PDB file of N, CA and C in Angstrom:
ATOM      1  N   MET A   1     -33.002  37.956  26.814  1.00  0.00           N
ATOM      2  CA  MET A   1     -31.639  37.824  26.387  1.00  0.00           C
ATOM      3  C   MET A   1     -30.991  36.490  26.780  1.00  0.00           C
ATOM      4  N   PHE A   2     -31.943  36.476  28.046  1.00  0.00           N
ATOM      5  CA  PHE A   2     -31.668  35.408  28.781  1.00  0.00           C
ATOM      6  C   PHE A   2     -31.812  34.144  28.149  1.00  0.00           C
ATOM      7  N   ARG A   3     -32.511  33.899  27.206  1.00  0.00           N
ATOM      8  CA  ARG A   3     -33.001  32.876  26.210  1.00  0.00           C
ATOM      9  C   ARG A   3     -32.326  32.832  25.105  1.00  0.00           C
ATOM     10  N   LEU A   4     -31.735  33.682  24.375  1.00  0.00           N
ATOM     11  CA  LEU A   4     -30.637  33.759  23.656  1.00  0.00           C
ATOM     12  C   LEU A   4     -29.591  33.278  23.614  1.00  0.00           C
ATOM     13  N   VAL A   5     -29.001  33.847  25.080  1.00  0.00           N
ATOM     14  CA  VAL A   5     -27.522  32.995  25.513  1.00  0.00           C
ATOM     15  C   VAL A   5     -27.897  31.532  25.819  1.00  0.00           C
ATOM     16  N   PHE A   6     -28.770  31.085  26.255  1.00  0.00           N
ATOM     17  CA  PHE A   6     -29.240  29.831  26.472  1.00  0.00           C
ATOM     18  C   PHE A   6     -29.049  28.996  25.116  1.00  0.00           C
ATOM     19  N   LEU A   7     -29.859  29.628  24.454  1.00  0.00           N
ATOM     20  CA  LEU A   7     -29.971  29.201  22.998  1.00  0.00           C
ATOM     21  C   LEU A   7     -28.749  28.500  22.508  1.00  0.00           C
ATOM     22  N   LEU A   8     -27.884  29.744  22.476  1.00  0.00           N
ATOM     23  CA  LEU A   8     -26.622  30.155  21.648  1.00  0.00           C
ATOM     24  C   LEU A   8     -25.689  29.039  22.658  1.00  0.00           C
ATOM     25  N   THR A   9     -25.540  29.026  23.918  1.00  0.00           N
ATOM     26  CA  THR A   9     -24.633  27.855  24.175  1.00  0.00           C
ATOM     27  C   THR A   9     -25.056  26.687  24.120  1.00  0.00           C
ATOM     28  N   GLY A  10     -26.416  26.152  24.065  1.00  0.00           N
ATOM     29  CA  GLY A  10     -26.799  25.179  24.001  1.00  0.00           C
ATOM     30  C   GLY A  10     -25.873  24.389  22.278  1.00  0.00           C
ATOM     31  N   LEU A  11     -26.452  25.483  21.359  1.00  0.00           N
ATOM     32  CA  LEU A  11     -25.937  25.508  20.204  1.00  0.00           C
ATOM     33  C   LEU A  11     -24.360  24.778  20.030  1.00  0.00           C
ATOM     34  N   VAL A  12     -23.894  25.698  20.554  1.00  0.00           N
ATOM     35  CA  VAL A  12     -21.872  25.575  20.552  1.00  0.00           C
ATOM     36  C   VAL A  12     -22.103  24.209  21.486  1.00  0.00           C
ATOM     37  N   PHE A  13     -22.750  23.739  22.345  1.00  0.00           N
ATOM     38  CA  PHE A  13     -22.465  22.505  23.200  1.00  0.00           C
ATOM     39  C   PHE A  13     -22.650  21.388  22.027  1.00  0.00           C
ATOM     40  N   LEU A  14     -24.139  21.373  21.218  1.00  0.00           N
ATOM     41  CA  LEU A  14     -24.216  20.362  20.400  1.00  0.00           C
ATOM     42  C   LEU A  14     -23.422  20.265  19.260  1.00  0.00           C
ATOM     43  N   GLU A  15     -22.765  21.358  18.705  1.00  0.00           N
ATOM     44  CA  GLU A  15     -21.528  21.560  17.627  1.00  0.00           C
ATOM     45  C   GLU A  15     -20.376  20.617  18.337  1.00  0.00           C
ATOM     46  N   SER A  16     -20.224  20.844  19.292  1.00  0.00           N
ATOM     47  CA  SER A  16     -18.830  20.275  20.008  1.00  0.00           C
ATOM     48  C   SER A  16     -18.855  18.944  20.120  1.00  0.00           C
ATOM     49  N   CYS A  17     -20.497  18.682  19.762  1.00  0.00           N
ATOM     50  CA  CYS A  17     -20.728  16.739  20.573  1.00  0.00           C
ATOM     51  C   CYS A  17     -20.616  16.009  19.155  1.00  0.00           C
ATOM     52  N   GLN A  18     -20.406  16.188  17.952  1.00  0.00           N
ATOM     53  CA  GLN A  18     -20.367  15.903  16.796  1.00  0.00           C
ATOM     54  C   GLN A  18     -19.060  14.722  16.801  1.00  0.00           C
ATOM     55  N   LYS A  19     -19.509  13.532  16.120  1.00  0.00           N
ATOM     56  CA  LYS A  19     -18.261  13.058  15.559  1.00  0.00           C
ATOM     57  C   LYS A  19     -17.221  13.242  15.016  1.00  0.00           C
ATOM     58  N   PRO A  20     -16.260  12.747  15.205  1.00  0.00           N
ATOM     59  CA  PRO A  20     -15.180  13.098  14.090  1.00  0.00           C
ATOM     60  C   PRO A  20     -15.343  12.231  13.004  1.00  0.00           C
ATOM     61  N   PRO A  21     -14.621  12.267  11.670  1.00  0.00           N
ATOM     62  CA  PRO A  21     -14.971  11.688  10.474  1.00  0.00           C
ATOM     63  C   PRO A  21     -14.469  10.466  10.709  1.00  0.00           C
ATOM     64  N   GLU A  22     -15.167   9.245  10.110  1.00  0.00           N
ATOM     65  CA  GLU A  22     -14.857   8.062  10.589  1.00  0.00           C
ATOM     66  C   GLU A  22     -13.223   7.806   9.602  1.00  0.00           C
ATOM     67  N   ARG A  23     -12.497   7.057  10.334  1.00  0.00           N
ATOM     68  CA  ARG A  23     -11.252   6.863   9.685  1.00  0.00           C
ATOM     69  C   ARG A  23     -10.736   5.125  10.266  1.00  0.00           C
ATOM     70  N   ASN A  24     -11.207   4.387   9.186  1.00  0.00           N
ATOM     71  CA  ASN A  24     -10.768   2.788   9.167  1.00  0.00           C
ATOM     72  C   ASN A  24      -9.755   2.438   8.169  1.00  0.00           C
ATOM     73  N   CYS A  25      -8.529   3.223   8.617  1.00  0.00           N
ATOM     74  CA  CYS A  25      -7.928   2.666   7.324  1.00  0.00           C
ATOM     75  C   CYS A  25      -7.454   1.417   7.159  1.00  0.00           C
ATOM     76  N   SER A  26      -6.944   0.670   8.332  1.00  0.00           N
ATOM     77  CA  SER A  26      -6.624  -0.339   8.305  1.00  0.00           C
ATOM     78  C   SER A  26      -7.233  -1.395   6.893  1.00  0.00           C
ATOM     79  N   ASN A  27      -8.900  -1.355   6.784  1.00  0.00           N
ATOM     80  CA  ASN A  27      -9.945  -1.789   5.653  1.00  0.00           C
ATOM     81  C   ASN A  27      -8.487  -1.675   3.999  1.00  0.00           C
ATOM     82  N   PHE A  28      -8.073  -0.026   3.990  1.00  0.00           N
ATOM     83  CA  PHE A  28      -7.954   0.184   2.955  1.00  0.00           C
ATOM     84  C   PHE A  28      -6.174  -0.123   2.845  1.00  0.00           C
ATOM     85  N   LYS A  29      -5.315  -0.486   3.636  1.00  0.00           N
ATOM     86  CA  LYS A  29      -4.117  -1.024   3.245  1.00  0.00           C
ATOM     87  C   LYS A  29      -3.623  -2.001   2.208  1.00  0.00           C
ATOM     88  N   THR A  30      -4.662  -2.999   1.993  1.00  0.00           N
ATOM     89  CA  THR A  30      -4.275  -3.603   0.802  1.00  0.00           C
ATOM     90  C   THR A  30      -5.614  -3.978  -0.184  1.00  0.00           C
ATOM     91  N   GLY A  31      -5.471  -4.382  -1.410  1.00  0.00           N
ATOM     92  CA  GLY A  31      -6.540  -4.759  -2.056  1.00  0.00           C
ATOM     93  C   GLY A  31      -6.330  -3.800  -3.347  1.00  0.00           C
ATOM     94  N   GLU A  32      -7.314  -3.869  -3.985  1.00  0.00           N
ATOM     95  CA  GLU A  32      -7.588  -3.242  -5.904  1.00  0.00           C
ATOM     96  C   GLU A  32      -8.803  -2.014  -5.468  1.00  0.00           C
ATOM     97  N   PHE A  33      -8.070  -1.118  -6.197  1.00  0.00           N
ATOM     98  CA  PHE A  33      -8.698   0.393  -6.062  1.00  0.00           C
ATOM     99  C   PHE A  33      -8.729   0.642  -7.545  1.00  0.00           C
ATOM    100  N   SER A  34      -9.581   1.835  -7.412  1.00  0.00           N
ATOM    101  CA  SER A  34      -9.898   2.848  -8.664  1.00  0.00           C
ATOM    102  C   SER A  34      -9.956   4.466  -8.049  1.00  0.00           C
ATOM    103  N   PHE A  35      -9.176   5.222  -9.116  1.00  0.00           N
ATOM    104  CA  PHE A  35      -9.552   6.591  -8.535  1.00  0.00           C
ATOM    105  C   PHE A  35      -9.579   7.217  -9.904  1.00  0.00           C
ATOM    106  N   THR A  36     -10.192   8.310  -9.827  1.00  0.00           N
ATOM    107  CA  THR A  36     -10.676   8.823 -11.494  1.00  0.00           C
ATOM    108  C   THR A  36     -10.590  10.613 -11.110  1.00  0.00           C
ATOM    109  N   THR A  37      -9.789  11.348 -11.596  1.00  0.00           N
ATOM    110  CA  THR A  37      -9.642  12.395 -11.723  1.00  0.00           C
ATOM    111  C   THR A  37      -9.783  13.313 -13.288  1.00  0.00           C
ATOM    112  N   THR A  38      -9.873  14.202 -13.187  1.00  0.00           N
ATOM    113  CA  THR A  38      -9.984  15.147 -14.344  1.00  0.00           C
ATOM    114  C   THR A  38      -8.568  15.573 -14.842  1.00  0.00           C
ATOM    115  N   ILE A  39      -8.339  15.570 -15.809  1.00  0.00           N
ATOM    116  CA  ILE A  39      -6.837  16.235 -16.040  1.00  0.00           C
ATOM    117  C   ILE A  39      -7.025  16.454 -17.753  1.00  0.00           C
ATOM    118  N   ASP A  40      -6.597  17.871 -17.810  1.00  0.00           N
ATOM    119  CA  ASP A  40      -6.640  18.651 -18.876  1.00  0.00           C
ATOM    120  C   ASP A  40      -8.558  18.815 -19.537  1.00  0.00           C
ATOM    121  N   GLY A  41      -9.343  18.488 -18.542  1.00  0.00           N
ATOM    122  CA  GLY A  41     -10.706  18.838 -18.865  1.00  0.00           C
ATOM    123  C   GLY A  41     -11.643  17.203 -19.037  1.00  0.00           C
ATOM    124  N   GLU A  42     -10.610  16.337 -18.609  1.00  0.00           N
ATOM    125  CA  GLU A  42     -11.001  15.017 -19.481  1.00  0.00           C
ATOM    126  C   GLU A  42     -11.219  14.182 -18.102  1.00  0.00           C
ATOM    127  N   GLU A  43     -12.007  13.181 -18.104  1.00  0.00           N
ATOM    128  CA  GLU A  43     -12.058  12.531 -16.648  1.00  0.00           C
ATOM    129  C   GLU A  43     -11.147  11.024 -17.071  1.00  0.00           C
ATOM    130  N   LYS A  44     -10.118  10.753 -16.166  1.00  0.00           N
ATOM    131  CA  LYS A  44      -9.173   9.838 -16.100  1.00  0.00           C
ATOM    132  C   LYS A  44      -9.413   8.867 -15.110  1.00  0.00           C
ATOM    133  N   THR A  45      -8.945   7.720 -15.521  1.00  0.00           N
ATOM    134  CA  THR A  45      -9.264   6.207 -14.525  1.00  0.00           C
ATOM    135  C   THR A  45      -8.203   5.395 -14.041  1.00  0.00           C
ATOM    136  N   THR A  46      -7.432   5.591 -13.152  1.00  0.00           N
ATOM    137  CA  THR A  46      -6.620   4.656 -12.433  1.00  0.00           C
ATOM    138  C   THR A  46      -6.938   4.013 -11.798  1.00  0.00           C
ATOM    139  N   THR A  47      -6.451   2.358 -12.196  1.00  0.00           N
ATOM    140  CA  THR A  47      -6.813   1.369 -11.307  1.00  0.00           C
ATOM    141  C   THR A  47      -5.484   1.193 -10.678  1.00  0.00           C
ATOM    142  N   PHE A  48      -5.093   0.683  -9.247  1.00  0.00           N
ATOM    143  CA  PHE A  48      -3.895   0.314  -8.635  1.00  0.00           C
ATOM    144  C   PHE A  48      -4.143  -0.927  -7.358  1.00  0.00           C
ATOM    145  N   VAL A  49      -2.945  -2.096  -7.459  1.00  0.00           N
ATOM    146  CA  VAL A  49      -3.394  -3.242  -6.624  1.00  0.00           C
ATOM    147  C   VAL A  49      -2.614  -2.770  -5.578  1.00  0.00           C
ATOM    148  N   ARG A  50      -3.084  -2.646  -4.228  1.00  0.00           N
ATOM    149  CA  ARG A  50      -1.430  -2.495  -3.074  1.00  0.00           C
ATOM    150  C   ARG A  50      -1.553  -3.622  -2.466  1.00  0.00           C
ATOM    151  N   SER A  51      -0.137  -4.273  -2.052  1.00  0.00           N
ATOM    152  CA  SER A  51      -0.069  -5.113  -0.964  1.00  0.00           C
ATOM    153  C   SER A  51       0.521  -4.041   0.314  1.00  0.00           C
ATOM    154  N   SER A  52       0.887  -4.741   0.886  1.00  0.00           N
ATOM    155  CA  SER A  52       1.530  -4.239   2.455  1.00  0.00           C
ATOM    156  C   SER A  52       2.818  -2.902   1.789  1.00  0.00           C
ATOM    157  N   ASN A  53       3.429  -3.522   0.928  1.00  0.00           N
ATOM    158  CA  ASN A  53       4.904  -2.472   0.664  1.00  0.00           C
ATOM    159  C   ASN A  53       5.160  -2.547  -0.650  1.00  0.00           C
ATOM    160  N   LEU A  54       3.761  -2.673  -1.612  1.00  0.00           N
ATOM    161  CA  LEU A  54       4.191  -2.378  -3.416  1.00  0.00           C
ATOM    162  C   LEU A  54       2.768  -2.246  -3.704  1.00  0.00           C
ATOM    163  N   GLU A  55       2.753  -1.003  -4.703  1.00  0.00           N
ATOM    164  CA  GLU A  55       1.489  -0.596  -5.371  1.00  0.00           C
ATOM    165  C   GLU A  55       1.827  -0.545  -7.004  1.00  0.00           C
ATOM    166  N   VAL A  56       0.959  -1.308  -7.862  1.00  0.00           N
ATOM    167  CA  VAL A  56       1.250  -1.227  -9.188  1.00  0.00           C
ATOM    168  C   VAL A  56      -0.209  -0.624  -9.868  1.00  0.00           C
ATOM    169  N   ASP A  57       0.266   0.223 -10.248  1.00  0.00           N
ATOM    170  CA  ASP A  57      -0.958   1.577 -10.955  1.00  0.00           C
ATOM    171  C   ASP A  57      -1.330   0.855 -12.495  1.00  0.00           C
ATOM    172  N   PHE A  58      -2.190   0.964 -13.159  1.00  0.00           N
ATOM    173  CA  PHE A  58      -2.194   1.186 -13.989  1.00  0.00           C
ATOM    174  C   PHE A  58      -3.510   1.954 -14.835  1.00  0.00           C
ATOM    175  N   PHE A  59      -2.588   2.616 -15.637  1.00  0.00           N
ATOM    176  CA  PHE A  59      -3.283   4.137 -16.279  1.00  0.00           C
ATOM    177  C   PHE A  59      -2.835   4.228 -18.047  1.00  0.00           C
ATOM    178  N   GLU A  60      -3.678   4.220 -18.554  1.00  0.00           N
ATOM    179  CA  GLU A  60      -3.658   4.173 -19.988  1.00  0.00           C
ATOM    180  C   GLU A  60      -3.285   3.409 -21.017  1.00  0.00           C
ATOM    181  N   GLY A  61      -2.899   2.107 -20.365  1.00  0.00           N
ATOM    182  CA  GLY A  61      -2.499   0.974 -20.968  1.00  0.00           C
ATOM    183  C   GLY A  61      -0.956   0.587 -20.160  1.00  0.00           C
ATOM    184  N   LYS A  62      -0.745   1.737 -19.485  1.00  0.00           N
ATOM    185  CA  LYS A  62       0.742   1.467 -18.593  1.00  0.00           C
ATOM    186  C   LYS A  62       0.448   1.130 -17.224  1.00  0.00           C
ATOM    187  N   ARG A  63       1.751   0.399 -17.102  1.00  0.00           N
ATOM    188  CA  ARG A  63       1.885  -0.041 -15.554  1.00  0.00           C
ATOM    189  C   ARG A  63       2.964   0.212 -14.982  1.00  0.00           C
ATOM    190  N   ASP A  64       2.899   0.624 -13.869  1.00  0.00           N
ATOM    191  CA  ASP A  64       4.165   1.333 -13.135  1.00  0.00           C
ATOM    192  C   ASP A  64       3.876   0.910 -11.593  1.00  0.00           C
ATOM    193  N   SER A  65       4.934   0.657 -11.071  1.00  0.00           N
ATOM    194  CA  SER A  65       5.277   0.319  -9.570  1.00  0.00           C
ATOM    195  C   SER A  65       5.922   1.016  -8.672  1.00  0.00           C
ATOM    196  N   SER A  66       5.327   0.891  -7.590  1.00  0.00           N
ATOM    197  CA  SER A  66       6.162   2.284  -6.292  1.00  0.00           C
ATOM    198  C   SER A  66       5.801   1.331  -5.198  1.00  0.00           C
ATOM    199  N   SER A  67       7.330   1.504  -4.386  1.00  0.00           N
ATOM    200  CA  SER A  67       7.293   0.751  -2.769  1.00  0.00           C
ATOM    201  C   SER A  67       6.367   1.449  -2.422  1.00  0.00           C
ATOM    202  N   VAL A  68       5.667   1.125  -1.305  1.00  0.00           N
ATOM    203  CA  VAL A  68       4.596   1.776   0.045  1.00  0.00           C
ATOM    204  C   VAL A  68       5.576   1.681   1.311  1.00  0.00           C
ATOM    205  N   ARG A  69       5.754   2.756   1.737  1.00  0.00           N
ATOM    206  CA  ARG A  69       6.146   2.957   3.159  1.00  0.00           C
ATOM    207  C   ARG A  69       4.887   3.844   4.098  1.00  0.00           C
ATOM    208  N   TRP A  70       4.452   2.680   4.857  1.00  0.00           N
ATOM    209  CA  TRP A  70       3.458   3.303   6.039  1.00  0.00           C
ATOM    210  C   TRP A  70       4.264   4.222   7.008  1.00  0.00           C
ATOM    211  N   ILE A  71       3.732   5.358   7.163  1.00  0.00           N
ATOM    212  CA  ILE A  71       4.180   6.246   8.333  1.00  0.00           C
ATOM    213  C   ILE A  71       3.616   5.772   9.457  1.00  0.00           C
ATOM    214  N   ASN A  72       2.163   6.030   9.477  1.00  0.00           N
ATOM    215  CA  ASN A  72       1.325   5.401  10.459  1.00  0.00           C
ATOM    216  C   ASN A  72      -0.088   4.409   9.876  1.00  0.00           C
ATOM    217  N   GLU A  73      -0.893   4.685  10.618  1.00  0.00           N
ATOM    218  CA  GLU A  73      -2.272   3.857  10.283  1.00  0.00           C
ATOM    219  C   GLU A  73      -2.991   4.620   8.839  1.00  0.00           C
ATOM    220  N   CYS A  74      -2.519   5.887   8.819  1.00  0.00           N
ATOM    221  CA  CYS A  74      -3.446   6.601   7.746  1.00  0.00           C
ATOM    222  C   CYS A  74      -2.990   7.373   7.002  1.00  0.00           C
ATOM    223  N   GLU A  75      -1.283   7.270   6.869  1.00  0.00           N
ATOM    224  CA  GLU A  75      -0.277   7.992   5.923  1.00  0.00           C
ATOM    225  C   GLU A  75       0.617   6.926   5.199  1.00  0.00           C
ATOM    226  N   TYR A  76       0.907   7.073   4.283  1.00  0.00           N
ATOM    227  CA  TYR A  76       1.842   6.569   3.674  1.00  0.00           C
ATOM    228  C   TYR A  76       2.941   7.407   2.711  1.00  0.00           C
ATOM    229  N   VAL A  77       3.695   6.544   2.056  1.00  0.00           N
ATOM    230  CA  VAL A  77       4.731   7.241   0.790  1.00  0.00           C
ATOM    231  C   VAL A  77       4.545   6.431  -0.035  1.00  0.00           C
ATOM    232  N   LEU A  78       4.390   6.663  -1.412  1.00  0.00           N
ATOM    233  CA  LEU A  78       4.959   5.924  -2.825  1.00  0.00           C
ATOM    234  C   LEU A  78       6.119   6.420  -3.278  1.00  0.00           C
ATOM    235  N   LYS A  79       6.953   5.624  -3.278  1.00  0.00           N
ATOM    236  CA  LYS A  79       8.508   6.053  -4.344  1.00  0.00           C
ATOM    237  C   LYS A  79       8.189   5.032  -5.493  1.00  0.00           C
ATOM    238  N   ASN A  80       8.009   5.645  -6.864  1.00  0.00           N
ATOM    239  CA  ASN A  80       8.498   4.900  -7.651  1.00  0.00           C
ATOM    240  C   ASN A  80       9.321   4.099  -8.345  1.00  0.00           C
ATOM    241  N   LEU A  81       9.343   3.106  -8.375  1.00  0.00           N
ATOM    242  CA  LEU A  81      10.600   2.157  -8.806  1.00  0.00           C
ATOM    243  C   LEU A  81      11.549   2.218  -9.971  1.00  0.00           C
ATOM    244  N   ASN A  82      10.696   3.078 -10.984  1.00  0.00           N
ATOM    245  CA  ASN A  82      11.315   2.954 -12.411  1.00  0.00           C
ATOM    246  C   ASN A  82      11.371   4.457 -12.816  1.00  0.00           C
ATOM    247  N   PRO A  83      11.620   5.371 -12.168  1.00  0.00           N
ATOM    248  CA  PRO A  83      11.142   6.790 -12.500  1.00  0.00           C
ATOM    249  C   PRO A  83      11.867   7.001 -13.926  1.00  0.00           C
ATOM    250  N   LYS A  84      11.064   7.533 -15.016  1.00  0.00           N
ATOM    251  CA  LYS A  84      11.233   7.858 -16.297  1.00  0.00           C
ATOM    252  C   LYS A  84      11.969   9.479 -16.165  1.00  0.00           C
ATOM    253  N   ASN A  85      11.630  10.199 -15.358  1.00  0.00           N
ATOM    254  CA  ASN A  85      12.369  11.383 -15.726  1.00  0.00           C
ATOM    255  C   ASN A  85      12.261  12.125 -14.027  1.00  0.00           C
ATOM    256  N   LYS A  86      12.870  13.176 -13.930  1.00  0.00           N
ATOM    257  CA  LYS A  86      12.546  14.359 -12.660  1.00  0.00           C
ATOM    258  C   LYS A  86      11.118  14.175 -11.814  1.00  0.00           C
ATOM    259  N   ALA A  87      10.376  14.424 -12.429  1.00  0.00           N
ATOM    260  CA  ALA A  87       9.091  14.486 -11.527  1.00  0.00           C
ATOM    261  C   ALA A  87       8.765  13.261 -11.088  1.00  0.00           C
ATOM    262  N   GLU A  88       8.949  12.224 -11.853  1.00  0.00           N
ATOM    263  CA  GLU A  88       8.538  10.853 -11.653  1.00  0.00           C
ATOM    264  C   GLU A  88       9.727  10.170 -10.085  1.00  0.00           C
ATOM    265  N   GLU A  89      10.500  10.969 -10.036  1.00  0.00           N
ATOM    266  CA  GLU A  89      11.727  10.939  -8.599  1.00  0.00           C
ATOM    267  C   GLU A  89      11.038  11.131  -7.202  1.00  0.00           C
ATOM    268  N   LYS A  90       9.992  12.216  -7.264  1.00  0.00           N
ATOM    269  CA  LYS A  90       9.667  12.494  -6.007  1.00  0.00           C
ATOM    270  C   LYS A  90       8.914  11.511  -5.614  1.00  0.00           C
ATOM    271  N   SER A  91       8.784  11.381  -4.366  1.00  0.00           N
ATOM    272  CA  SER A  91       8.022  10.532  -3.755  1.00  0.00           C
ATOM    273  C   SER A  91       6.754  11.373  -3.417  1.00  0.00           C
ATOM    274  N   ILE A  92       5.345  10.705  -3.441  1.00  0.00           N
ATOM    275  CA  ILE A  92       4.135  11.164  -3.124  1.00  0.00           C
ATOM    276  C   ILE A  92       3.947  10.856  -1.481  1.00  0.00           C
ATOM    277  N   HIS A  93       3.434  11.788  -0.837  1.00  0.00           N
ATOM    278  CA  HIS A  93       2.726  11.264   0.750  1.00  0.00           C
ATOM    279  C   HIS A  93       1.457  11.501   0.557  1.00  0.00           C
ATOM    280  N   ILE A  94       0.973  10.216   0.893  1.00  0.00           N
ATOM    281  CA  ILE A  94      -0.670   9.938   0.779  1.00  0.00           C
ATOM    282  C   ILE A  94      -1.195  10.075   2.521  1.00  0.00           C
ATOM    283  N   LYS A  95      -2.471  10.585   2.620  1.00  0.00           N
ATOM    284  CA  LYS A  95      -2.951  10.866   3.946  1.00  0.00           C
ATOM    285  C   LYS A  95      -4.438  10.521   3.538  1.00  0.00           C
ATOM    286  N   ILE A  96      -4.931   9.921   4.161  1.00  0.00           N
ATOM    287  CA  ILE A  96      -6.791   9.407   4.364  1.00  0.00           C
ATOM    288  C   ILE A  96      -7.009   9.996   5.354  1.00  0.00           C
ATOM    289  N   LEU A  97      -7.878  10.766   4.650  1.00  0.00           N
ATOM    290  CA  LEU A  97      -8.513  11.743   5.813  1.00  0.00           C
ATOM    291  C   LEU A  97      -9.909  11.259   6.230  1.00  0.00           C
ATOM    292  N   THR A  98     -10.778  10.688   5.860  1.00  0.00           N
ATOM    293  CA  THR A  98     -11.760   9.673   5.589  1.00  0.00           C
ATOM    294  C   THR A  98     -12.035   8.553   5.141  1.00  0.00           C
ATOM    295  N   THR A  99     -12.755   7.454   5.804  1.00  0.00           N
ATOM    296  CA  THR A  99     -13.114   6.297   5.173  1.00  0.00           C
ATOM    297  C   THR A  99     -14.891   6.268   5.237  1.00  0.00           C
ATOM    298  N   SER A 100     -15.194   5.154   4.124  1.00  0.00           N
ATOM    299  CA  SER A 100     -16.629   4.624   4.425  1.00  0.00           C
ATOM    300  C   SER A 100     -16.306   3.367   3.918  1.00  0.00           C
ATOM    301  N   ASP A 101     -17.281   2.637   3.915  1.00  0.00           N
ATOM    302  CA  ASP A 101     -17.268   1.196   3.677  1.00  0.00           C
ATOM    303  C   ASP A 101     -16.575   0.665   2.590  1.00  0.00           C
ATOM    304  N   SER A 102     -16.607   1.459   1.309  1.00  0.00           N
ATOM    305  CA  SER A 102     -16.010   0.829  -0.243  1.00  0.00           C
ATOM    306  C   SER A 102     -14.964   2.094  -0.499  1.00  0.00           C
ATOM    307  N   SER A 103     -15.131   3.163   0.369  1.00  0.00           N
ATOM    308  CA  SER A 103     -13.907   3.988  -0.310  1.00  0.00           C
ATOM    309  C   SER A 103     -13.233   4.694   0.912  1.00  0.00           C
ATOM    310  N   TYR A 104     -12.085   5.515   0.400  1.00  0.00           N
ATOM    311  CA  TYR A 104     -11.288   6.435   1.109  1.00  0.00           C
ATOM    312  C   TYR A 104     -11.210   7.938   0.525  1.00  0.00           C
ATOM    313  N   THR A 105     -11.253   9.007   1.219  1.00  0.00           N
ATOM    314  CA  THR A 105     -11.001  10.026   0.845  1.00  0.00           C
ATOM    315  C   THR A 105      -9.346  11.023   1.063  1.00  0.00           C
ATOM    316  N   PHE A 106      -8.601  11.138  -0.067  1.00  0.00           N
ATOM    317  CA  PHE A 106      -7.221  11.316   0.800  1.00  0.00           C
ATOM    318  C   PHE A 106      -6.773  12.814  -0.063  1.00  0.00           C
ATOM    319  N   GLU A 107      -5.847  13.335   0.553  1.00  0.00           N
ATOM    320  CA  GLU A 107      -4.986  14.630   0.133  1.00  0.00           C
ATOM    321  C   GLU A 107      -3.378  13.812  -0.128  1.00  0.00           C
ATOM    322  N   TYR A 108      -3.034  14.150  -1.031  1.00  0.00           N
ATOM    323  CA  TYR A 108      -1.608  13.928  -1.214  1.00  0.00           C
ATOM    324  C   TYR A 108      -1.032  14.966  -2.226  1.00  0.00           C
ATOM    325  N   ASN A 109       0.600  14.791  -2.265  1.00  0.00           N
ATOM    326  CA  ASN A 109       1.241  15.817  -2.793  1.00  0.00           C
ATOM    327  C   ASN A 109       2.935  14.838  -2.992  1.00  0.00           C
ATOM    328  N   ALA A 110       3.620  15.810  -3.847  1.00  0.00           N
ATOM    329  CA  ALA A 110       4.925  15.268  -3.751  1.00  0.00           C
ATOM    330  C   ALA A 110       5.530  15.879  -2.811  1.00  0.00           C
ATOM    331  N   ILE A 111       6.233  14.978  -2.171  1.00  0.00           N
ATOM    332  CA  ILE A 111       7.431  15.644  -0.699  1.00  0.00           C
ATOM    333  C   ILE A 111       8.075  16.942  -1.237  1.00  0.00           C
ATOM    334  N   GLY A 112       7.806  17.706  -0.426  1.00  0.00           N
ATOM    335  CA  GLY A 112       8.673  19.122  -0.732  1.00  0.00           C
ATOM    336  C   GLY A 112       7.414  20.301  -1.655  1.00  0.00           C
ATOM    337  N   ASP A 113       6.428  19.723  -1.882  1.00  0.00           N
ATOM    338  CA  ASP A 113       5.675  20.446  -2.934  1.00  0.00           C
ATOM    339  C   ASP A 113       4.529  20.742  -2.025  1.00  0.00           C
ATOM    340  N   LYS A 114       4.546  21.870  -1.950  1.00  0.00           N
ATOM    341  CA  LYS A 114       3.195  22.409  -0.971  1.00  0.00           C
ATOM    342  C   LYS A 114       1.779  22.740  -1.299  1.00  0.00           C
ATOM    343  N   ARG A 115       1.548  22.423  -2.421  1.00  0.00           N
ATOM    344  CA  ARG A 115       0.199  22.295  -3.121  1.00  0.00           C
ATOM    345  C   ARG A 115      -0.205  20.642  -2.917  1.00  0.00           C
ATOM    346  N   LYS A 116      -1.396  20.535  -2.492  1.00  0.00           N
ATOM    347  CA  LYS A 116      -1.687  19.208  -1.909  1.00  0.00           C
ATOM    348  C   LYS A 116      -3.140  19.184  -2.981  1.00  0.00           C
ATOM    349  N   PHE A 117      -3.246  18.106  -3.004  1.00  0.00           N
ATOM    350  CA  PHE A 117      -4.810  17.572  -3.924  1.00  0.00           C
ATOM    351  C   PHE A 117      -5.560  16.697  -3.148  1.00  0.00           C
ATOM    352  N   LYS A 118      -6.855  16.495  -3.532  1.00  0.00           N
ATOM    353  CA  LYS A 118      -7.657  15.560  -2.974  1.00  0.00           C
ATOM    354  C   LYS A 118      -8.233  14.835  -4.169  1.00  0.00           C
ATOM    355  N   GLY A 119      -8.385  13.591  -3.520  1.00  0.00           N
ATOM    356  CA  GLY A 119      -9.426  12.337  -4.349  1.00  0.00           C
ATOM    357  C   GLY A 119     -10.115  11.735  -3.589  1.00  0.00           C
ATOM    358  N   THR A 120     -10.258  10.401  -4.231  1.00  0.00           N
ATOM    359  CA  THR A 120     -11.253   9.596  -3.502  1.00  0.00           C
ATOM    360  C   THR A 120     -11.105   8.148  -3.996  1.00  0.00           C
ATOM    361  N   ALA A 121     -10.598   7.451  -3.476  1.00  0.00           N
ATOM    362  CA  ALA A 121     -10.494   5.727  -3.883  1.00  0.00           C
ATOM    363  C   ALA A 121     -11.545   5.022  -3.974  1.00  0.00           C
ATOM    364  N   PHE A 122     -11.740   4.158  -4.639  1.00  0.00           N
ATOM    365  CA  PHE A 122     -12.879   3.396  -4.395  1.00  0.00           C
ATOM    366  C   PHE A 122     -12.517   1.711  -4.459  1.00  0.00           C
ATOM    367  N   LYS A 123     -12.551   1.170  -3.236  1.00  0.00           N
ATOM    368  CA  LYS A 123     -12.307  -0.520  -3.372  1.00  0.00           C
ATOM    369  C   LYS A 123     -13.070  -1.400  -4.196  1.00  0.00           C
ATOM    370  N   LYS A 124     -12.203  -2.291  -4.575  1.00  0.00           N
ATOM    371  CA  LYS A 124     -13.100  -3.115  -6.114  1.00  0.00           C
ATOM    372  C   LYS A 124     -13.124  -4.515  -4.716  1.00  0.00           C
ATOM    373  N   HIS A 125     -14.279  -4.763  -4.836  1.00  0.00           N
ATOM    374  CA  HIS A 125     -14.758  -6.238  -4.035  1.00  0.00           C
ATOM    375  C   HIS A 125     -14.542  -7.530  -4.972  1.00  0.00           C
TER     376      HIS A 125
END
């Protein structure tokens, strides 16, 4: 019984020593990126170029621009500069969850909407 308790205590200790996910968000504040998602069963890719305060998206031959406002090192808000309907008027909150050398995983939602979505963006070099 003592060995079982000792073993379980050791496992709990080792589990608590795991590193948190890497988040080097400053590497992804600016640059050219691509993001692929599934829409109506079909994979669609968006590319975008982001500076410190502007993001330009290219999707299916169309270009769209949004202002970028960084909340902190890993979260920002996009606001469409030329909305064409009510849905496009809503700002989008984006939170970077993890990073790697060439990509970041993020969650996003329209501000005021409880539904959150996840995606991964890849930085072009």
